[in-house]
Amino acid sequence: MSEIRAGVTAPETTDYKKRTAFFISDGTGLTVEAIGHSLLAQFRNQQVEQVTLPYVDSDERLNQVLHRIERAASESGLQPIVISSIISDDIRRQLHQSSALMLDVFESYLAPLAALFGTDPAHTVGISHGIANDRRYTARIDAVHFAMDNDDGRRTREFESADIILVGVSRSGKTPTCLYLALQFGLRAANYPITEEDMDSTALPKILRPFQHKLFGLTIDPRRLMSIRQERRANSRYASPEQCEFEVRQVEQMLRRSQIPYLDATELSVEELATRLMSQAGIERKIS
């Protein structure tokens, strides 16, 4: 049975019992998972094992899921949580009969919307993540290809067509942020690593100056940067505390001198980085 776990680490005690939250969908589960994570994040003092169960669209699959819910309740002695985005009325009804606390996304929102629009919902699985909208799908894939082709300053000649160009030291989070911007928002995001050769002065590298209005910087705590680089090139000058501190200091001075906006990526997820920089840079998504 396909499932994705994203739990919070529990205290190391042998008798500790942890509540389970199931994110259940008849599609990919991405939507209900995002909602579930957001809801549970409001209860940081609660230890909850989070399990995503996608493609619950048959009796066989439903029976597996129901068994998993009841087993979690029996083993922990705690009522499980089910956050569901199931379309099928029959499957939803059977989930409601389980021992879990049931939070039904569609039940909460579709009825008020149907009343507002004066029409019944489509009850179609996978609409939000399908490829029925060819224009959106093509834009998303084109943006991903652009991000990959313009990673680490490989094709600066294509910077003219970029929506945004991320700059920063090596391993500061530029590549994953570019790919997220492309995949989630359809943005053509390139990135350029500021290398030691660019740090002879705090002036912006000459190759970037024509695109200064598209630049956005990422910085990072030197200690975190050192840890990341140690995994890549252990005990190298590249990963030394002195080198990491020097590069971060020089790049931050460069960004401030050129009045380029930047964010500290140390404590931010790629999702937070992407949405914050879009807001700060005034960039709107290309797809919705």
Protein backbone atom coordinates (compact mmCIF):
# COMPACT_ATOMS: atom_id res chain seq x y z
CA MET A 1 0.00 0.00 0.00
CA SER A 2 1.49 3.31 -1.08
CA GLU A 3 1.99 5.73 1.76
CA ILE A 4 4.19 8.67 2.60
CA ARG A 5 5.30 9.37 6.14
CA ALA A 6 6.27 12.76 7.51
CA GLY A 7 6.12 12.45 11.26
CA VAL A 8 7.58 14.48 14.07
CA THR A 9 10.27 12.75 16.10
CA ALA A 10 8.86 11.42 19.34
CA PRO A 11 10.67 11.33 22.70
CA GLU A 12 12.85 8.25 23.12
CA THR A 13 10.73 6.31 25.57
CA THR A 14 9.65 2.71 25.16
CA ASP A 15 6.03 3.26 26.22
CA TYR A 16 5.36 6.42 24.24
CA LYS A 17 2.24 6.28 22.07
CA LYS A 18 1.83 8.67 19.16
CA ARG A 19 -1.40 9.71 17.48
CA THR A 20 -1.61 9.12 13.70
CA ALA A 21 -3.04 11.53 11.16
CA PHE A 22 -3.98 10.08 7.77
CA PHE A 23 -4.20 12.30 4.69
CA ILE A 24 -6.46 10.33 2.37
CA SER A 25 -7.22 11.06 -1.29
CA ASP A 26 -8.51 9.36 -4.42
CA GLY A 27 -5.84 11.30 -6.36
CA THR A 28 -2.22 12.16 -5.69
CA GLY A 29 -2.89 13.37 -2.15
CA LEU A 30 -0.88 16.55 -2.68
CA THR A 31 -3.75 18.90 -1.90
CA VAL A 32 -5.01 17.20 1.24
CA GLU A 33 -1.44 16.66 2.44
CA ALA A 34 -0.73 20.39 2.17
CA ILE A 35 -3.94 21.19 4.06
CA GLY A 36 -3.16 18.58 6.71
CA HIS A 37 0.38 19.82 7.27
CA SER A 38 -0.89 23.39 7.65
CA LEU A 39 -3.57 22.39 10.15
CA LEU A 40 -1.31 20.23 12.31
CA ALA A 41 1.46 22.83 12.27
CA GLN A 42 -0.79 24.91 14.53
CA PHE A 43 -0.37 22.28 17.26
CA ARG A 44 3.42 22.11 17.56
CA ASN A 45 3.36 20.56 21.04
CA GLN A 46 1.50 17.50 19.77
CA GLN A 47 3.44 14.50 18.52
CA VAL A 48 1.62 13.21 15.43
CA GLU A 49 2.73 10.65 12.87
CA GLN A 50 1.55 11.91 9.49
CA VAL A 51 0.76 9.36 6.78
CA THR A 52 -0.40 10.19 3.24
CA LEU A 53 -2.51 7.53 1.51
CA PRO A 54 -3.11 8.44 -2.17
CA TYR A 55 -5.34 6.75 -4.79
CA VAL A 56 -7.97 5.36 -2.42
CA ASP A 57 -10.40 4.69 -5.25
CA SER A 58 -11.47 1.04 -4.94
CA ASP A 59 -13.05 -1.27 -2.38
CA GLU A 60 -9.82 -3.20 -1.98
CA ARG A 61 -7.79 -0.06 -1.36
CA LEU A 62 -10.43 1.33 0.99
CA ASN A 63 -10.42 -1.86 3.07
CA GLN A 64 -6.65 -1.62 3.41
CA VAL A 65 -6.96 1.97 4.58
CA LEU A 66 -9.74 1.21 7.08
CA HIS A 67 -7.66 -1.63 8.52
CA ARG A 68 -4.67 0.74 8.82
CA ILE A 69 -6.79 3.32 10.67
CA GLU A 70 -8.18 0.79 13.15
CA ARG A 71 -4.74 -0.73 13.74
CA ALA A 72 -3.31 2.72 14.53
CA ALA A 73 -6.13 3.32 17.01
CA SER A 74 -5.63 -0.07 18.66
CA GLU A 75 -1.84 0.14 18.90
CA SER A 76 -1.70 3.68 20.29
CA GLY A 77 -4.93 3.83 22.26
CA LEU A 78 -5.42 7.29 20.72
CA GLN A 79 -8.09 8.34 18.25
CA PRO A 80 -6.55 8.75 14.78
CA ILE A 81 -7.23 11.75 12.58
CA VAL A 82 -8.41 11.44 8.99
CA ILE A 83 -8.21 14.45 6.69
CA SER A 84 -9.86 13.45 3.43
CA SER A 85 -10.35 14.84 -0.05
CA ILE A 86 -12.29 11.84 -1.37
CA ILE A 87 -14.87 12.52 -4.09
CA SER A 88 -16.85 9.24 -3.85
CA ASP A 89 -19.84 9.54 -1.51
CA ASP A 90 -19.67 5.81 -0.71
CA ILE A 91 -15.98 5.87 0.23
CA ARG A 92 -16.46 9.01 2.30
CA ARG A 93 -19.41 7.40 4.13
CA GLN A 94 -17.31 4.37 5.05
CA LEU A 95 -14.44 6.56 6.25
CA HIS A 96 -16.91 8.41 8.48
CA GLN A 97 -17.79 5.07 10.08
CA SER A 98 -14.19 4.46 11.17
CA SER A 99 -12.99 5.28 14.68
CA ALA A 100 -11.03 8.31 13.46
CA LEU A 101 -11.82 11.98 13.85
CA MET A 102 -12.98 12.75 10.30
CA LEU A 103 -12.17 16.09 8.66
CA ASP A 104 -13.66 16.08 5.18
CA VAL A 105 -12.21 18.79 2.93
CA PHE A 106 -14.84 18.52 0.21
CA GLU A 107 -17.73 18.22 2.64
CA SER A 108 -16.62 21.44 4.31
CA TYR A 109 -16.21 23.51 1.16
CA LEU A 110 -18.13 22.06 -1.79
CA ALA A 111 -21.64 22.46 -0.36
CA PRO A 112 -21.29 26.20 0.39
CA LEU A 113 -19.72 26.77 -3.04
CA ALA A 114 -22.47 24.78 -4.78
CA ALA A 115 -25.07 26.89 -2.99
CA LEU A 116 -23.28 30.08 -4.05
CA PHE A 117 -22.93 29.05 -7.70
CA GLY A 118 -26.34 27.38 -7.88
CA THR A 119 -24.89 24.28 -9.49
CA ASP A 120 -23.59 20.88 -8.39
CA PRO A 121 -19.82 20.17 -8.32
CA ALA A 122 -18.30 17.97 -11.02
CA HIS A 123 -17.23 15.20 -8.60
CA THR A 124 -14.28 14.48 -10.88
CA VAL A 125 -11.08 13.01 -9.47
CA GLY A 126 -7.69 14.60 -10.17
CA ILE A 127 -8.84 17.86 -11.74
CA SER A 128 -6.36 20.05 -9.84
CA HIS A 129 -3.31 17.93 -10.74
CA GLY A 130 -4.23 16.62 -14.18
CA ILE A 131 -3.06 17.77 -17.60
CA ALA A 132 -6.46 18.66 -18.95
CA ASN A 133 -5.29 22.25 -19.28
CA ASP A 134 -2.59 21.79 -21.90
CA ARG A 135 -1.48 25.42 -21.75
CA ARG A 136 -0.78 25.28 -18.00
CA TYR A 137 0.93 21.91 -18.27
CA THR A 138 3.15 23.03 -21.15
CA ALA A 139 4.07 26.24 -19.35
CA ARG A 140 5.04 24.27 -16.25
CA ILE A 141 7.25 21.81 -18.15
CA ASP A 142 8.87 24.57 -20.23
CA ALA A 143 9.69 26.45 -17.04
CA VAL A 144 11.28 23.36 -15.48
CA HIS A 145 13.42 22.82 -18.59
CA PHE A 146 14.48 26.47 -18.45
CA ALA A 147 15.49 26.15 -14.79
CA MET A 148 17.55 23.04 -15.50
CA ASP A 149 19.21 24.55 -18.57
CA ASN A 150 20.06 27.74 -16.70
CA ASP A 151 21.32 26.20 -13.49
CA ASP A 152 24.62 27.44 -12.03
CA GLY A 153 25.04 30.13 -14.71
CA ARG A 154 25.39 27.65 -17.56
CA ARG A 155 23.55 29.73 -20.16
CA THR A 156 23.75 33.38 -19.25
CA ARG A 157 22.73 34.20 -22.83
CA GLU A 158 19.19 33.09 -21.87
CA PHE A 159 18.99 35.40 -18.86
CA GLU A 160 17.12 37.93 -20.99
CA SER A 161 14.06 35.67 -21.01
CA ALA A 162 14.22 34.82 -17.30
CA ASP A 163 11.50 36.00 -14.93
CA ILE A 164 13.97 35.97 -12.05
CA ILE A 165 17.67 35.21 -11.54
CA LEU A 166 18.79 33.94 -8.15
CA VAL A 167 22.31 34.78 -7.01
CA GLY A 168 24.29 33.69 -3.97
CA VAL A 169 27.16 31.54 -2.81
CA SER A 170 27.40 27.93 -3.87
CA ARG A 171 24.99 25.64 -1.91
CA SER A 172 22.76 28.44 -0.64
CA GLY A 173 19.55 26.86 -2.02
CA LYS A 174 19.34 28.47 -5.46
CA THR A 175 18.74 25.33 -7.54
CA PRO A 176 15.88 23.77 -5.53
CA THR A 177 14.21 27.18 -5.25
CA CYS A 178 14.41 27.69 -9.02
CA LEU A 179 12.93 24.28 -9.69
CA TYR A 180 10.11 24.89 -7.21
CA LEU A 181 9.34 28.27 -8.80
CA ALA A 182 9.19 26.56 -12.18
CA LEU A 183 7.13 23.54 -11.20
CA GLN A 184 4.71 25.27 -8.85
CA PHE A 185 4.30 28.68 -10.46
CA GLY A 186 5.52 28.29 -14.05
CA LEU A 187 8.26 30.90 -13.60
CA ARG A 188 11.38 30.90 -15.74
CA ALA A 189 13.96 30.99 -12.96
CA ALA A 190 17.71 30.96 -13.58
CA ASN A 191 20.52 31.07 -11.06
CA TYR A 192 24.10 32.25 -10.97
CA PRO A 193 26.57 31.23 -8.23
CA ILE A 194 28.83 34.03 -6.98
CA THR A 195 32.26 32.37 -6.99
CA GLU A 196 35.48 33.39 -5.31
CA GLU A 197 36.64 34.90 -8.61
CA ASP A 198 33.66 37.27 -8.46
CA MET A 199 34.64 38.39 -4.95
CA ASP A 200 37.74 40.38 -5.76
CA SER A 201 35.49 43.35 -5.11
CA THR A 202 31.97 43.85 -3.81
CA ALA A 203 30.85 45.11 -7.22
CA LEU A 204 28.31 43.04 -9.09
CA PRO A 205 29.90 40.68 -11.66
CA LYS A 206 29.92 42.32 -15.06
CA ILE A 207 27.92 39.53 -16.68
CA LEU A 208 25.01 40.17 -14.28
CA ARG A 209 24.79 43.94 -14.58
CA PRO A 210 22.44 44.04 -17.61
CA PHE A 211 19.97 41.92 -15.63
CA GLN A 212 20.20 43.70 -12.29
CA HIS A 213 16.45 44.35 -12.26
CA LYS A 214 15.83 40.57 -12.38
CA LEU A 215 18.28 39.60 -9.65
CA PHE A 216 17.31 38.28 -6.24
CA GLY A 217 19.83 37.09 -3.67
CA LEU A 218 19.90 34.15 -1.29
CA THR A 219 22.21 34.14 1.70
CA ILE A 220 22.78 31.56 4.44
CA ASP A 221 24.34 31.27 7.88
CA PRO A 222 28.05 30.36 7.42
CA ARG A 223 27.79 27.49 9.93
CA ARG A 224 24.88 25.96 8.02
CA LEU A 225 26.74 26.48 4.75
CA MET A 226 29.79 24.72 6.19
CA SER A 227 27.64 21.75 7.23
CA ILE A 228 26.11 21.45 3.75
CA ARG A 229 29.47 21.73 2.02
CA GLN A 230 31.06 19.16 4.33
CA GLU A 231 28.58 16.61 2.99
CA ARG A 232 29.68 17.45 -0.53
CA ARG A 233 33.45 17.93 -0.06
CA ALA A 234 34.47 16.90 3.43
CA ASN A 235 37.51 18.60 5.01
CA SER A 236 38.11 20.78 1.95
CA ARG A 237 38.94 24.47 1.80
CA TYR A 238 35.56 24.88 0.08
CA ALA A 239 33.86 23.66 3.28
CA SER A 240 36.12 25.36 5.82
CA PRO A 241 34.66 27.81 8.36
CA GLU A 242 36.92 30.60 7.14
CA GLN A 243 35.93 30.18 3.48
CA CYS A 244 32.22 29.96 4.23
CA GLU A 245 32.32 33.07 6.43
CA PHE A 246 34.33 34.98 3.82
CA GLU A 247 32.01 34.11 0.92
CA VAL A 248 28.79 34.89 2.81
CA ARG A 249 30.19 38.21 4.03
CA GLN A 250 31.40 39.26 0.58
CA VAL A 251 28.18 38.31 -1.19
CA GLU A 252 25.98 40.08 1.35
CA GLN A 253 28.08 43.22 0.91
CA MET A 254 27.74 42.87 -2.86
CA LEU A 255 23.97 42.53 -2.67
CA ARG A 256 23.59 45.50 -0.34
CA ARG A 257 25.90 47.68 -2.42
CA SER A 258 23.94 46.90 -5.59
CA GLN A 259 20.60 47.26 -3.75
CA ILE A 260 19.55 43.76 -4.71
CA PRO A 261 16.87 42.28 -2.42
CA TYR A 262 17.79 39.05 -0.70
CA LEU A 263 16.54 36.50 1.82
CA ASP A 264 18.29 34.38 4.43
CA ALA A 265 17.63 30.76 3.43
CA THR A 266 19.01 29.21 6.62
CA GLU A 267 15.71 28.45 8.36
CA LEU A 268 13.31 28.60 5.41
CA SER A 269 11.87 25.70 3.45
CA VAL A 270 11.96 25.88 -0.33
CA GLU A 271 8.22 26.60 -0.31
CA GLU A 272 8.70 29.54 2.06
CA LEU A 273 11.67 30.84 0.10
CA ALA A 274 9.76 30.75 -3.16
CA THR A 275 6.64 32.48 -1.92
CA ARG A 276 8.51 35.08 0.12
CA LEU A 277 10.84 36.09 -2.70
CA MET A 278 7.90 36.31 -5.13
CA SER A 279 6.15 38.66 -2.73
CA GLN A 280 9.26 40.72 -2.05
CA ALA A 281 10.22 40.91 -5.73
CA GLY A 282 6.66 41.65 -6.86
CA ILE A 283 6.54 38.65 -9.21
CA GLU A 284 3.23 36.99 -10.02
CA ARG A 285 2.81 33.32 -10.83
CA LYS A 286 2.48 32.35 -14.50
CA ILE A 287 0.09 29.47 -13.79
CA SER A 288 -2.60 28.99 -11.17
